[in-house]
PDB file of N, CA and C in Angstrom:
ATOM      1  N   MET A   1      -2.345   1.330 -17.272  1.00  0.00           N
ATOM      2  CA  MET A   1      -2.481   2.725 -16.758  1.00  0.00           C
ATOM      3  C   MET A   1      -1.946   2.506 -15.448  1.00  0.00           C
ATOM      4  N   THR A   2      -1.231   3.468 -14.695  1.00  0.00           N
ATOM      5  CA  THR A   2      -1.075   3.209 -13.266  1.00  0.00           C
ATOM      6  C   THR A   2      -2.185   4.139 -12.457  1.00  0.00           C
ATOM      7  N   THR A   3      -2.512   3.537 -11.339  1.00  0.00           N
ATOM      8  CA  THR A   3      -3.177   4.492 -10.479  1.00  0.00           C
ATOM      9  C   THR A   3      -2.233   5.013  -9.407  1.00  0.00           C
ATOM     10  N   ASP A   4      -2.923   6.066  -8.590  1.00  0.00           N
ATOM     11  CA  ASP A   4      -2.152   6.795  -7.660  1.00  0.00           C
ATOM     12  C   ASP A   4      -1.503   6.078  -6.599  1.00  0.00           C
ATOM     13  N   LEU A   5      -2.216   4.693  -6.269  1.00  0.00           N
ATOM     14  CA  LEU A   5      -1.950   4.001  -5.278  1.00  0.00           C
ATOM     15  C   LEU A   5      -0.580   3.395  -5.674  1.00  0.00           C
ATOM     16  N   GLU A   6      -0.689   2.865  -6.895  1.00  0.00           N
ATOM     17  CA  GLU A   6       0.529   2.258  -7.725  1.00  0.00           C
ATOM     18  C   GLU A   6       1.676   2.868  -7.588  1.00  0.00           C
ATOM     19  N   ARG A   7       1.456   4.422  -7.692  1.00  0.00           N
ATOM     20  CA  ARG A   7       2.874   5.314  -7.843  1.00  0.00           C
ATOM     21  C   ARG A   7       3.102   5.554  -6.402  1.00  0.00           C
ATOM     22  N   THR A   8       2.213   5.797  -5.587  1.00  0.00           N
ATOM     23  CA  THR A   8       2.712   6.081  -4.196  1.00  0.00           C
ATOM     24  C   THR A   8       3.192   5.014  -3.584  1.00  0.00           C
ATOM     25  N   LEU A   9       2.963   3.584  -3.880  1.00  0.00           N
ATOM     26  CA  LEU A   9       3.434   2.421  -3.493  1.00  0.00           C
ATOM     27  C   LEU A   9       5.121   2.383  -4.002  1.00  0.00           C
ATOM     28  N   ALA A  10       5.048   2.475  -5.422  1.00  0.00           N
ATOM     29  CA  ALA A  10       6.480   2.696  -5.931  1.00  0.00           C
ATOM     30  C   ALA A  10       7.387   3.787  -5.368  1.00  0.00           C
ATOM     31  N   ALA A  11       6.975   4.675  -5.220  1.00  0.00           N
ATOM     32  CA  ALA A  11       7.816   6.044  -4.801  1.00  0.00           C
ATOM     33  C   ALA A  11       8.133   5.585  -3.103  1.00  0.00           C
ATOM     34  N   PHE A  12       7.427   4.647  -2.359  1.00  0.00           N
ATOM     35  CA  PHE A  12       7.576   4.504  -0.940  1.00  0.00           C
ATOM     36  C   PHE A  12       8.699   3.411  -1.144  1.00  0.00           C
ATOM     37  N   LEU A  13       8.458   2.522  -1.810  1.00  0.00           N
ATOM     38  CA  LEU A  13       9.372   1.551  -1.727  1.00  0.00           C
ATOM     39  C   LEU A  13      11.108   2.003  -2.490  1.00  0.00           C
ATOM     40  N   ALA A  14      10.968   2.867  -3.485  1.00  0.00           N
ATOM     41  CA  ALA A  14      12.034   3.547  -3.861  1.00  0.00           C
ATOM     42  C   ALA A  14      12.985   4.347  -2.845  1.00  0.00           C
ATOM     43  N   GLY A  15      11.889   4.937  -2.234  1.00  0.00           N
ATOM     44  CA  GLY A  15      12.311   5.700  -0.956  1.00  0.00           C
ATOM     45  C   GLY A  15      12.985   4.882   0.155  1.00  0.00           C
ATOM     46  N   SER A  16      12.311   3.868   0.386  1.00  0.00           N
ATOM     47  CA  SER A  16      12.780   3.000   1.363  1.00  0.00           C
ATOM     48  C   SER A  16      14.277   2.113   1.025  1.00  0.00           C
ATOM     49  N   ALA A  17      14.095   1.983   0.088  1.00  0.00           N
ATOM     50  CA  ALA A  17      15.583   1.462  -0.793  1.00  0.00           C
ATOM     51  C   ALA A  17      16.656   2.255  -0.566  1.00  0.00           C
ATOM     52  N   ILE A  18      16.249   3.657  -0.909  1.00  0.00           N
ATOM     53  CA  ILE A  18      17.470   4.610  -0.880  1.00  0.00           C
ATOM     54  C   ILE A  18      17.963   4.944   0.486  1.00  0.00           C
ATOM     55  N   VAL A  19      16.828   5.099   1.253  1.00  0.00           N
ATOM     56  CA  VAL A  19      17.245   5.646   2.848  1.00  0.00           C
ATOM     57  C   VAL A  19      17.828   4.196   3.502  1.00  0.00           C
ATOM     58  N   HIS A  20      17.409   3.063   2.965  1.00  0.00           N
ATOM     59  CA  HIS A  20      18.428   2.014   3.549  1.00  0.00           C
ATOM     60  C   HIS A  20      19.917   1.813   2.867  1.00  0.00           C
ATOM     61  N   PHE A  21      19.764   2.445   1.699  1.00  0.00           N
ATOM     62  CA  PHE A  21      21.111   2.335   1.323  1.00  0.00           C
ATOM     63  C   PHE A  21      22.184   3.357   1.870  1.00  0.00           C
ATOM     64  N   MET A  22      21.423   4.577   2.221  1.00  0.00           N
ATOM     65  CA  MET A  22      22.252   5.569   2.995  1.00  0.00           C
ATOM     66  C   MET A  22      22.314   5.239   4.351  1.00  0.00           C
ATOM     67  N   ALA A  23      21.907   4.523   5.151  1.00  0.00           N
ATOM     68  CA  ALA A  23      21.803   4.242   6.321  1.00  0.00           C
ATOM     69  C   ALA A  23      23.018   3.146   6.506  1.00  0.00           C
ATOM     70  N   THR A  24      23.143   2.159   5.590  1.00  0.00           N
ATOM     71  CA  THR A  24      24.296   1.126   5.494  1.00  0.00           C
ATOM     72  C   THR A  24      25.551   1.973   5.347  1.00  0.00           C
ATOM     73  N   LEU A  25      25.207   2.903   4.074  1.00  0.00           N
ATOM     74  CA  LEU A  25      26.410   3.508   3.893  1.00  0.00           C
ATOM     75  C   LEU A  25      27.260   4.386   5.125  1.00  0.00           C
ATOM     76  N   PHE A  26      26.234   4.571   5.935  1.00  0.00           N
ATOM     77  CA  PHE A  26      26.950   5.652   7.240  1.00  0.00           C
ATOM     78  C   PHE A  26      27.265   4.631   8.386  1.00  0.00           C
ATOM     79  N   GLY A  27      26.961   3.361   7.915  1.00  0.00           N
ATOM     80  CA  GLY A  27      27.436   2.104   9.144  1.00  0.00           C
ATOM     81  C   GLY A  27      26.653   1.499   9.721  1.00  0.00           C
ATOM     82  N   GLY A  28      25.236   1.860   9.226  1.00  0.00           N
ATOM     83  CA  GLY A  28      23.986   0.782   9.803  1.00  0.00           C
ATOM     84  C   GLY A  28      23.770  -0.253   9.749  1.00  0.00           C
ATOM     85  N   ARG A  29      23.743  -1.161  10.674  1.00  0.00           N
ATOM     86  CA  ARG A  29      23.062  -2.583  10.426  1.00  0.00           C
ATOM     87  C   ARG A  29      21.610  -2.679  10.863  1.00  0.00           C
ATOM     88  N   GLY A  30      20.922  -3.143   9.749  1.00  0.00           N
ATOM     89  CA  GLY A  30      19.416  -3.143   9.949  1.00  0.00           C
ATOM     90  C   GLY A  30      19.092  -3.960   8.661  1.00  0.00           C
ATOM     91  N   ASP A  31      17.779  -4.367   8.546  1.00  0.00           N
ATOM     92  CA  ASP A  31      17.060  -4.759   7.188  1.00  0.00           C
ATOM     93  C   ASP A  31      16.141  -3.802   6.715  1.00  0.00           C
ATOM     94  N   LEU A  32      16.148  -3.885   5.336  1.00  0.00           N
ATOM     95  CA  LEU A  32      15.015  -2.985   4.867  1.00  0.00           C
ATOM     96  C   LEU A  32      13.589  -3.195   4.991  1.00  0.00           C
ATOM     97  N   LEU A  33      13.100  -4.333   5.279  1.00  0.00           N
ATOM     98  CA  LEU A  33      12.162  -4.698   5.388  1.00  0.00           C
ATOM     99  C   LEU A  33      11.550  -4.135   6.662  1.00  0.00           C
ATOM    100  N   SER A  34      12.244  -4.153   7.788  1.00  0.00           N
ATOM    101  CA  SER A  34      11.862  -3.595   9.072  1.00  0.00           C
ATOM    102  C   SER A  34      11.912  -2.151   9.085  1.00  0.00           C
ATOM    103  N   PHE A  35      12.665  -1.778   8.399  1.00  0.00           N
ATOM    104  CA  PHE A  35      12.678  -0.174   7.949  1.00  0.00           C
ATOM    105  C   PHE A  35      11.536   0.469   7.518  1.00  0.00           C
ATOM    106  N   ALA A  36      11.098  -0.434   6.209  1.00  0.00           N
ATOM    107  CA  ALA A  36       9.859  -0.033   5.315  1.00  0.00           C
ATOM    108  C   ALA A  36       8.691  -0.203   6.400  1.00  0.00           C
ATOM    109  N   ARG A  37       8.662  -1.348   7.097  1.00  0.00           N
ATOM    110  CA  ARG A  37       7.569  -1.510   8.069  1.00  0.00           C
ATOM    111  C   ARG A  37       7.113  -0.346   9.107  1.00  0.00           C
ATOM    112  N   VAL A  38       8.446   0.075   9.687  1.00  0.00           N
ATOM    113  CA  VAL A  38       8.287   1.128  10.614  1.00  0.00           C
ATOM    114  C   VAL A  38       7.812   2.750   9.640  1.00  0.00           C
ATOM    115  N   TRP A  39       8.400   2.785   8.769  1.00  0.00           N
ATOM    116  CA  TRP A  39       8.515   3.914   8.259  1.00  0.00           C
ATOM    117  C   TRP A  39       6.989   4.052   7.531  1.00  0.00           C
ATOM    118  N   GLY A  40       6.676   2.918   6.962  1.00  0.00           N
ATOM    119  CA  GLY A  40       5.262   2.732   6.415  1.00  0.00           C
ATOM    120  C   GLY A  40       3.948   3.125   7.371  1.00  0.00           C
ATOM    121  N   THR A  41       4.266   2.746   8.753  1.00  0.00           N
ATOM    122  CA  THR A  41       3.196   2.873   9.701  1.00  0.00           C
ATOM    123  C   THR A  41       3.161   4.399  10.098  1.00  0.00           C
ATOM    124  N   GLY A  42       4.375   4.956   9.689  1.00  0.00           N
ATOM    125  CA  GLY A  42       4.273   6.519  10.153  1.00  0.00           C
ATOM    126  C   GLY A  42       3.466   7.437   9.216  1.00  0.00           C
ATOM    127  N   TRP A  43       3.566   6.905   7.952  1.00  0.00           N
ATOM    128  CA  TRP A  43       2.835   7.708   6.647  1.00  0.00           C
ATOM    129  C   TRP A  43       1.377   7.841   6.913  1.00  0.00           C
ATOM    130  N   VAL A  44       0.992   7.262   8.164  1.00  0.00           N
ATOM    131  CA  VAL A  44      -0.786   7.163   8.199  1.00  0.00           C
ATOM    132  C   VAL A  44      -1.077   8.686   8.163  1.00  0.00           C
ATOM    133  N   ILE A  45      -0.347   9.420   8.700  1.00  0.00           N
ATOM    134  CA  ILE A  45      -0.549  11.031   8.639  1.00  0.00           C
ATOM    135  C   ILE A  45      -0.839  11.334   7.215  1.00  0.00           C
ATOM    136  N   GLY A  46      -0.779  11.072   6.417  1.00  0.00           N
ATOM    137  CA  GLY A  46      -0.611  11.420   4.835  1.00  0.00           C
ATOM    138  C   GLY A  46      -1.912  11.827   4.320  1.00  0.00           C
ATOM    139  N   TRP A  47      -2.725  11.430   5.492  1.00  0.00           N
ATOM    140  CA  TRP A  47      -4.347  11.731   5.055  1.00  0.00           C
ATOM    141  C   TRP A  47      -4.311  13.435   5.201  1.00  0.00           C
ATOM    142  N   ALA A  48      -3.403  13.876   5.939  1.00  0.00           N
ATOM    143  CA  ALA A  48      -3.463  15.445   6.247  1.00  0.00           C
ATOM    144  C   ALA A  48      -3.251  16.080   4.998  1.00  0.00           C
ATOM    145  N   ALA A  49      -2.844  15.521   3.830  1.00  0.00           N
ATOM    146  CA  ALA A  49      -2.375  16.204   2.511  1.00  0.00           C
ATOM    147  C   ALA A  49      -3.716  16.722   2.248  1.00  0.00           C
ATOM    148  N   ILE A  50      -4.850  16.166   2.449  1.00  0.00           N
ATOM    149  CA  ILE A  50      -6.238  16.697   1.746  1.00  0.00           C
ATOM    150  C   ILE A  50      -6.487  18.226   2.196  1.00  0.00           C
ATOM    151  N   ILE A  51      -5.716  18.791   3.060  1.00  0.00           N
ATOM    152  CA  ILE A  51      -5.647  20.318   3.545  1.00  0.00           C
ATOM    153  C   ILE A  51      -4.762  20.715   2.590  1.00  0.00           C
ATOM    154  N   PRO A  52      -5.109  21.523   1.728  1.00  0.00           N
ATOM    155  CA  PRO A  52      -4.237  22.371   0.885  1.00  0.00           C
ATOM    156  C   PRO A  52      -2.785  23.166   1.663  1.00  0.00           C
ATOM    157  N   TRP A  53      -1.854  22.916   0.936  1.00  0.00           N
ATOM    158  CA  TRP A  53      -0.565  23.167   1.504  1.00  0.00           C
ATOM    159  C   TRP A  53       0.117  23.107   2.721  1.00  0.00           C
ATOM    160  N   LEU A  54      -0.866  23.458   3.662  1.00  0.00           N
ATOM    161  CA  LEU A  54      -0.488  23.093   5.037  1.00  0.00           C
ATOM    162  C   LEU A  54      -0.504  21.380   5.278  1.00  0.00           C
ATOM    163  N   GLY A  55      -1.583  20.847   4.966  1.00  0.00           N
ATOM    164  CA  GLY A  55      -1.534  19.406   5.300  1.00  0.00           C
ATOM    165  C   GLY A  55      -0.484  18.652   4.600  1.00  0.00           C
ATOM    166  N   GLY A  56      -0.360  18.954   3.396  1.00  0.00           N
ATOM    167  CA  GLY A  56       0.793  18.455   2.583  1.00  0.00           C
ATOM    168  C   GLY A  56       2.236  18.479   3.178  1.00  0.00           C
ATOM    169  N   LEU A  57       2.443  20.093   3.683  1.00  0.00           N
ATOM    170  CA  LEU A  57       3.640  20.400   4.396  1.00  0.00           C
ATOM    171  C   LEU A  57       4.001  19.224   5.731  1.00  0.00           C
ATOM    172  N   ALA A  58       2.884  19.239   6.560  1.00  0.00           N
ATOM    173  CA  ALA A  58       2.656  18.658   7.516  1.00  0.00           C
ATOM    174  C   ALA A  58       2.862  17.108   7.401  1.00  0.00           C
ATOM    175  N   ALA A  59       2.455  16.487   6.479  1.00  0.00           N
ATOM    176  CA  ALA A  59       2.758  14.957   6.277  1.00  0.00           C
ATOM    177  C   ALA A  59       4.531  15.051   5.532  1.00  0.00           C
ATOM    178  N   ILE A  60       4.824  15.938   5.164  1.00  0.00           N
ATOM    179  CA  ILE A  60       6.253  15.702   4.584  1.00  0.00           C
ATOM    180  C   ILE A  60       7.117  15.517   5.757  1.00  0.00           C
ATOM    181  N   VAL A  61       6.980  16.632   6.615  1.00  0.00           N
ATOM    182  CA  VAL A  61       7.681  16.836   7.605  1.00  0.00           C
ATOM    183  C   VAL A  61       7.373  15.632   8.716  1.00  0.00           C
ATOM    184  N   TRP A  62       6.190  15.039   8.745  1.00  0.00           N
ATOM    185  CA  TRP A  62       6.198  14.051   9.770  1.00  0.00           C
ATOM    186  C   TRP A  62       7.034  13.001   9.353  1.00  0.00           C
ATOM    187  N   SER A  63       6.808  12.618   7.929  1.00  0.00           N
ATOM    188  CA  SER A  63       7.461  11.259   7.225  1.00  0.00           C
ATOM    189  C   SER A  63       9.001  11.410   7.407  1.00  0.00           C
ATOM    190  N   VAL A  64       9.554  12.915   7.242  1.00  0.00           N
ATOM    191  CA  VAL A  64      10.896  12.796   7.695  1.00  0.00           C
ATOM    192  C   VAL A  64      11.193  12.638   9.176  1.00  0.00           C
ATOM    193  N   VAL A  65      10.478  13.104   9.957  1.00  0.00           N
ATOM    194  CA  VAL A  65      10.854  12.703  11.465  1.00  0.00           C
ATOM    195  C   VAL A  65      10.725  11.476  11.885  1.00  0.00           C
ATOM    196  N   VAL A  66       9.683  10.608  11.230  1.00  0.00           N
ATOM    197  CA  VAL A  66       9.457   9.309  11.237  1.00  0.00           C
ATOM    198  C   VAL A  66      10.643   8.490  10.805  1.00  0.00           C
ATOM    199  N   ALA A  67      11.154   8.943   9.520  1.00  0.00           N
ATOM    200  CA  ALA A  67      12.118   8.535   8.815  1.00  0.00           C
ATOM    201  C   ALA A  67      13.518   8.528   9.491  1.00  0.00           C
ATOM    202  N   VAL A  68      13.621   9.287  10.234  1.00  0.00           N
ATOM    203  CA  VAL A  68      14.770   9.588  11.056  1.00  0.00           C
ATOM    204  C   VAL A  68      14.848   8.770  12.382  1.00  0.00           C
ATOM    205  N   VAL A  69      13.711   8.532  13.236  1.00  0.00           N
ATOM    206  CA  VAL A  69      13.718   8.079  14.368  1.00  0.00           C
ATOM    207  C   VAL A  69      13.810   6.556  13.865  1.00  0.00           C
ATOM    208  N   ALA A  70      13.185   5.923  12.712  1.00  0.00           N
ATOM    209  CA  ALA A  70      13.020   4.511  12.160  1.00  0.00           C
ATOM    210  C   ALA A  70      14.651   4.185  11.883  1.00  0.00           C
ATOM    211  N   VAL A  71      15.429   5.187  11.070  1.00  0.00           N
ATOM    212  CA  VAL A  71      16.901   4.874  10.773  1.00  0.00           C
ATOM    213  C   VAL A  71      17.485   4.604  12.120  1.00  0.00           C
ATOM    214  N   GLU A  72      17.393   5.497  13.171  1.00  0.00           N
ATOM    215  CA  GLU A  72      18.041   5.799  14.285  1.00  0.00           C
ATOM    216  C   GLU A  72      17.858   3.977  14.781  1.00  0.00           C
ATOM    217  N   GLU A  73      16.728   3.817  15.396  1.00  0.00           N
ATOM    218  CA  GLU A  73      16.392   2.442  15.830  1.00  0.00           C
ATOM    219  C   GLU A  73      16.471   1.403  15.102  1.00  0.00           C
ATOM    220  N   ASN A  74      16.263   1.497  13.815  1.00  0.00           N
ATOM    221  CA  ASN A  74      16.288   0.071  13.307  1.00  0.00           C
ATOM    222  C   ASN A  74      18.145  -0.372  12.824  1.00  0.00           C
ATOM    223  N   TYR A  75      18.827   0.734  12.480  1.00  0.00           N
ATOM    224  CA  TYR A  75      20.171   0.631  12.076  1.00  0.00           C
ATOM    225  C   TYR A  75      21.042   1.041  12.968  1.00  0.00           C
ATOM    226  N   ALA A  76      20.619   1.296  14.377  1.00  0.00           N
ATOM    227  CA  ALA A  76      21.669   1.655  15.608  1.00  0.00           C
ATOM    228  C   ALA A  76      22.249   2.352  14.973  1.00  0.00           C
ATOM    229  N   LEU A  77      22.066   3.478  14.732  1.00  0.00           N
ATOM    230  CA  LEU A  77      22.862   4.784  14.462  1.00  0.00           C
ATOM    231  C   LEU A  77      22.695   5.813  15.295  1.00  0.00           C
ATOM    232  N   ASP A  78      23.598   6.894  15.166  1.00  0.00           N
ATOM    233  CA  ASP A  78      23.307   7.887  16.330  1.00  0.00           C
ATOM    234  C   ASP A  78      22.463   8.789  15.821  1.00  0.00           C
ATOM    235  N   ARG A  79      22.016   9.904  16.402  1.00  0.00           N
ATOM    236  CA  ARG A  79      20.851  10.541  15.826  1.00  0.00           C
ATOM    237  C   ARG A  79      21.487  11.419  14.405  1.00  0.00           C
ATOM    238  N   SER A  80      22.571  11.986  14.795  1.00  0.00           N
ATOM    239  CA  SER A  80      23.178  12.860  13.508  1.00  0.00           C
ATOM    240  C   SER A  80      23.512  11.938  12.100  1.00  0.00           C
ATOM    241  N   ARG A  81      23.808  10.627  12.617  1.00  0.00           N
ATOM    242  CA  ARG A  81      24.127   9.855  11.240  1.00  0.00           C
ATOM    243  C   ARG A  81      22.511   9.437  10.587  1.00  0.00           C
ATOM    244  N   ALA A  82      22.057   9.448  11.477  1.00  0.00           N
ATOM    245  CA  ALA A  82      20.213   9.118  10.847  1.00  0.00           C
ATOM    246  C   ALA A  82      19.961  10.015  10.340  1.00  0.00           C
ATOM    247  N   ILE A  83      19.926  11.542  10.913  1.00  0.00           N
ATOM    248  CA  ILE A  83      19.547  12.719  10.374  1.00  0.00           C
ATOM    249  C   ILE A  83      20.029  12.580   8.712  1.00  0.00           C
ATOM    250  N   LEU A  84      21.373  12.425   8.430  1.00  0.00           N
ATOM    251  CA  LEU A  84      22.261  12.701   7.460  1.00  0.00           C
ATOM    252  C   LEU A  84      21.592  11.783   6.706  1.00  0.00           C
ATOM    253  N   ALA A  85      21.502  10.454   6.834  1.00  0.00           N
ATOM    254  CA  ALA A  85      21.008   9.298   6.059  1.00  0.00           C
ATOM    255  C   ALA A  85      19.720   9.518   5.651  1.00  0.00           C
ATOM    256  N   VAL A  86      18.816  10.400   6.027  1.00  0.00           N
ATOM    257  CA  VAL A  86      17.398  10.872   5.657  1.00  0.00           C
ATOM    258  C   VAL A  86      17.654  11.896   4.879  1.00  0.00           C
ATOM    259  N   LEU A  87      18.193  13.065   5.324  1.00  0.00           N
ATOM    260  CA  LEU A  87      18.165  14.240   4.505  1.00  0.00           C
ATOM    261  C   LEU A  87      19.180  14.527   3.534  1.00  0.00           C
ATOM    262  N   VAL A  88      20.157  13.588   3.304  1.00  0.00           N
ATOM    263  CA  VAL A  88      20.947  13.656   1.929  1.00  0.00           C
ATOM    264  C   VAL A  88      20.153  13.213   0.664  1.00  0.00           C
ATOM    265  N   PRO A  89      19.442  12.255   0.789  1.00  0.00           N
ATOM    266  CA  PRO A  89      18.799  11.848  -0.611  1.00  0.00           C
ATOM    267  C   PRO A  89      17.260  12.651  -0.587  1.00  0.00           C
ATOM    268  N   PHE A  90      16.745  13.143   0.623  1.00  0.00           N
ATOM    269  CA  PHE A  90      15.644  14.069   0.462  1.00  0.00           C
ATOM    270  C   PHE A  90      15.871  15.578  -0.151  1.00  0.00           C
ATOM    271  N   SER A  91      17.080  15.894   0.537  1.00  0.00           N
ATOM    272  CA  SER A  91      17.558  17.228  -0.189  1.00  0.00           C
ATOM    273  C   SER A  91      18.156  16.993  -1.763  1.00  0.00           C
ATOM    274  N   ALA A  92      18.429  15.774  -1.740  1.00  0.00           N
ATOM    275  CA  ALA A  92      18.994  15.576  -3.620  1.00  0.00           C
ATOM    276  C   ALA A  92      17.523  15.752  -4.400  1.00  0.00           C
ATOM    277  N   LEU A  93      16.495  15.133  -3.577  1.00  0.00           N
ATOM    278  CA  LEU A  93      15.371  14.959  -4.738  1.00  0.00           C
ATOM    279  C   LEU A  93      14.578  16.490  -4.659  1.00  0.00           C
ATOM    280  N   LEU A  94      14.818  16.950  -3.608  1.00  0.00           N
ATOM    281  CA  LEU A  94      14.148  18.506  -3.585  1.00  0.00           C
ATOM    282  C   LEU A  94      14.946  19.513  -4.501  1.00  0.00           C
ATOM    283  N   LEU A  95      16.659  19.200  -4.702  1.00  0.00           N
ATOM    284  CA  LEU A  95      17.087  19.758  -5.442  1.00  0.00           C
ATOM    285  C   LEU A  95      16.718  19.584  -7.159  1.00  0.00           C
ATOM    286  N   ILE A  96      16.511  18.387  -7.391  1.00  0.00           N
ATOM    287  CA  ILE A  96      16.268  17.944  -8.625  1.00  0.00           C
ATOM    288  C   ILE A  96      14.697  18.552  -9.189  1.00  0.00           C
ATOM    289  N   MET A  97      13.961  18.788  -8.057  1.00  0.00           N
ATOM    290  CA  MET A  97      12.760  18.859  -8.408  1.00  0.00           C
ATOM    291  C   MET A  97      12.738  20.407  -8.687  1.00  0.00           C
ATOM    292  N   VAL A  98      13.453  21.209  -7.794  1.00  0.00           N
ATOM    293  CA  VAL A  98      13.666  22.674  -8.002  1.00  0.00           C
ATOM    294  C   VAL A  98      14.180  23.040  -9.191  1.00  0.00           C
ATOM    295  N   ILE A  99      15.312  22.015  -9.714  1.00  0.00           N
ATOM    296  CA  ILE A  99      16.086  22.561 -11.038  1.00  0.00           C
ATOM    297  C   ILE A  99      14.934  22.026 -12.213  1.00  0.00           C
ATOM    298  N   SER A 100      13.987  20.854 -12.092  1.00  0.00           N
ATOM    299  CA  SER A 100      13.143  20.665 -13.009  1.00  0.00           C
ATOM    300  C   SER A 100      12.094  21.678 -13.081  1.00  0.00           C
ATOM    301  N   ILE A 101      11.596  22.289 -11.977  1.00  0.00           N
ATOM    302  CA  ILE A 101      10.715  23.045 -12.209  1.00  0.00           C
ATOM    303  C   ILE A 101      11.319  24.460 -13.054  1.00  0.00           C
ATOM    304  N   ALA A 102      12.328  24.877 -12.669  1.00  0.00           N
ATOM    305  CA  ALA A 102      13.149  25.940 -13.003  1.00  0.00           C
ATOM    306  C   ALA A 102      13.284  25.887 -14.579  1.00  0.00           C
ATOM    307  N   LEU A 103      13.773  24.493 -15.035  1.00  0.00           N
ATOM    308  CA  LEU A 103      13.968  24.293 -16.403  1.00  0.00           C
ATOM    309  C   LEU A 103      12.611  24.616 -17.380  1.00  0.00           C
ATOM    310  N   VAL A 104      11.710  23.915 -16.757  1.00  0.00           N
ATOM    311  CA  VAL A 104      10.257  23.715 -17.490  1.00  0.00           C
ATOM    312  C   VAL A 104       9.730  25.178 -17.818  1.00  0.00           C
ATOM    313  N   ALA A 105       9.851  25.848 -16.564  1.00  0.00           N
ATOM    314  CA  ALA A 105       9.407  27.478 -16.571  1.00  0.00           C
ATOM    315  C   ALA A 105      10.290  28.254 -17.756  1.00  0.00           C
ATOM    316  N   GLY A 106      11.404  28.087 -17.564  1.00  0.00           N
ATOM    317  CA  GLY A 106      12.522  28.775 -18.617  1.00  0.00           C
ATOM    318  C   GLY A 106      12.099  28.289 -20.012  1.00  0.00           C
ATOM    319  N   ILE A 107      11.954  26.833 -20.353  1.00  0.00           N
ATOM    320  CA  ILE A 107      11.747  26.642 -21.691  1.00  0.00           C
ATOM    321  C   ILE A 107      10.212  27.134 -22.088  1.00  0.00           C
ATOM    322  N   LYS A 108       9.392  26.997 -21.231  1.00  0.00           N
ATOM    323  CA  LYS A 108       7.872  27.653 -21.750  1.00  0.00           C
ATOM    324  C   LYS A 108       7.975  29.120 -21.888  1.00  0.00           C
ATOM    325  N   SER A 109       8.714  29.869 -20.942  1.00  0.00           N
ATOM    326  CA  SER A 109       8.788  31.224 -21.027  1.00  0.00           C
ATOM    327  C   SER A 109       9.664  31.413 -22.559  1.00  0.00           C
ATOM    328  N   TRP A 110      10.621  30.509 -22.824  1.00  0.00           N
ATOM    329  CA  TRP A 110      11.577  30.728 -23.909  1.00  0.00           C
ATOM    330  C   TRP A 110      10.562  30.697 -24.968  1.00  0.00           C
ATOM    331  N   PHE A 111       9.800  29.728 -25.228  1.00  0.00           N
ATOM    332  CA  PHE A 111       8.808  29.559 -26.584  1.00  0.00           C
ATOM    333  C   PHE A 111       7.621  30.172 -26.320  1.00  0.00           C
ATOM    334  N   LEU A 112       7.020  30.787 -25.355  1.00  0.00           N
ATOM    335  CA  LEU A 112       6.005  31.785 -25.386  1.00  0.00           C
ATOM    336  C   LEU A 112       6.257  33.177 -25.486  1.00  0.00           C
ATOM    337  N   THR A 113       7.471  33.637 -25.583  1.00  0.00           N
ATOM    338  CA  THR A 113       7.836  35.016 -25.890  1.00  0.00           C
ATOM    339  C   THR A 113       8.326  34.987 -27.525  1.00  0.00           C
TER     340      THR A 113
END
């Protein structure tokens, strides 16, 4: 059985690898470990997620801001490419989550009627 800590660490490492891939795709030159170190330090605000809704939203927004600055500095990219390197995978994940929720809600309502 996996714990919340293990799931969080796996999500962090997967997210770091995806953002690293996107940053190198946009022409950045940097290493994954340096990016993960800086981005992981920025996740310290994650404790704010104990506040319902607002804390979780603040933690997510701060994580994106820290990721953009970390990509910009670590991969020597300009601000617009750093934003794209972070927001493209984040937007794709958000789209997948919305579609999944819609499918689950649709299937659930189909079986309950």
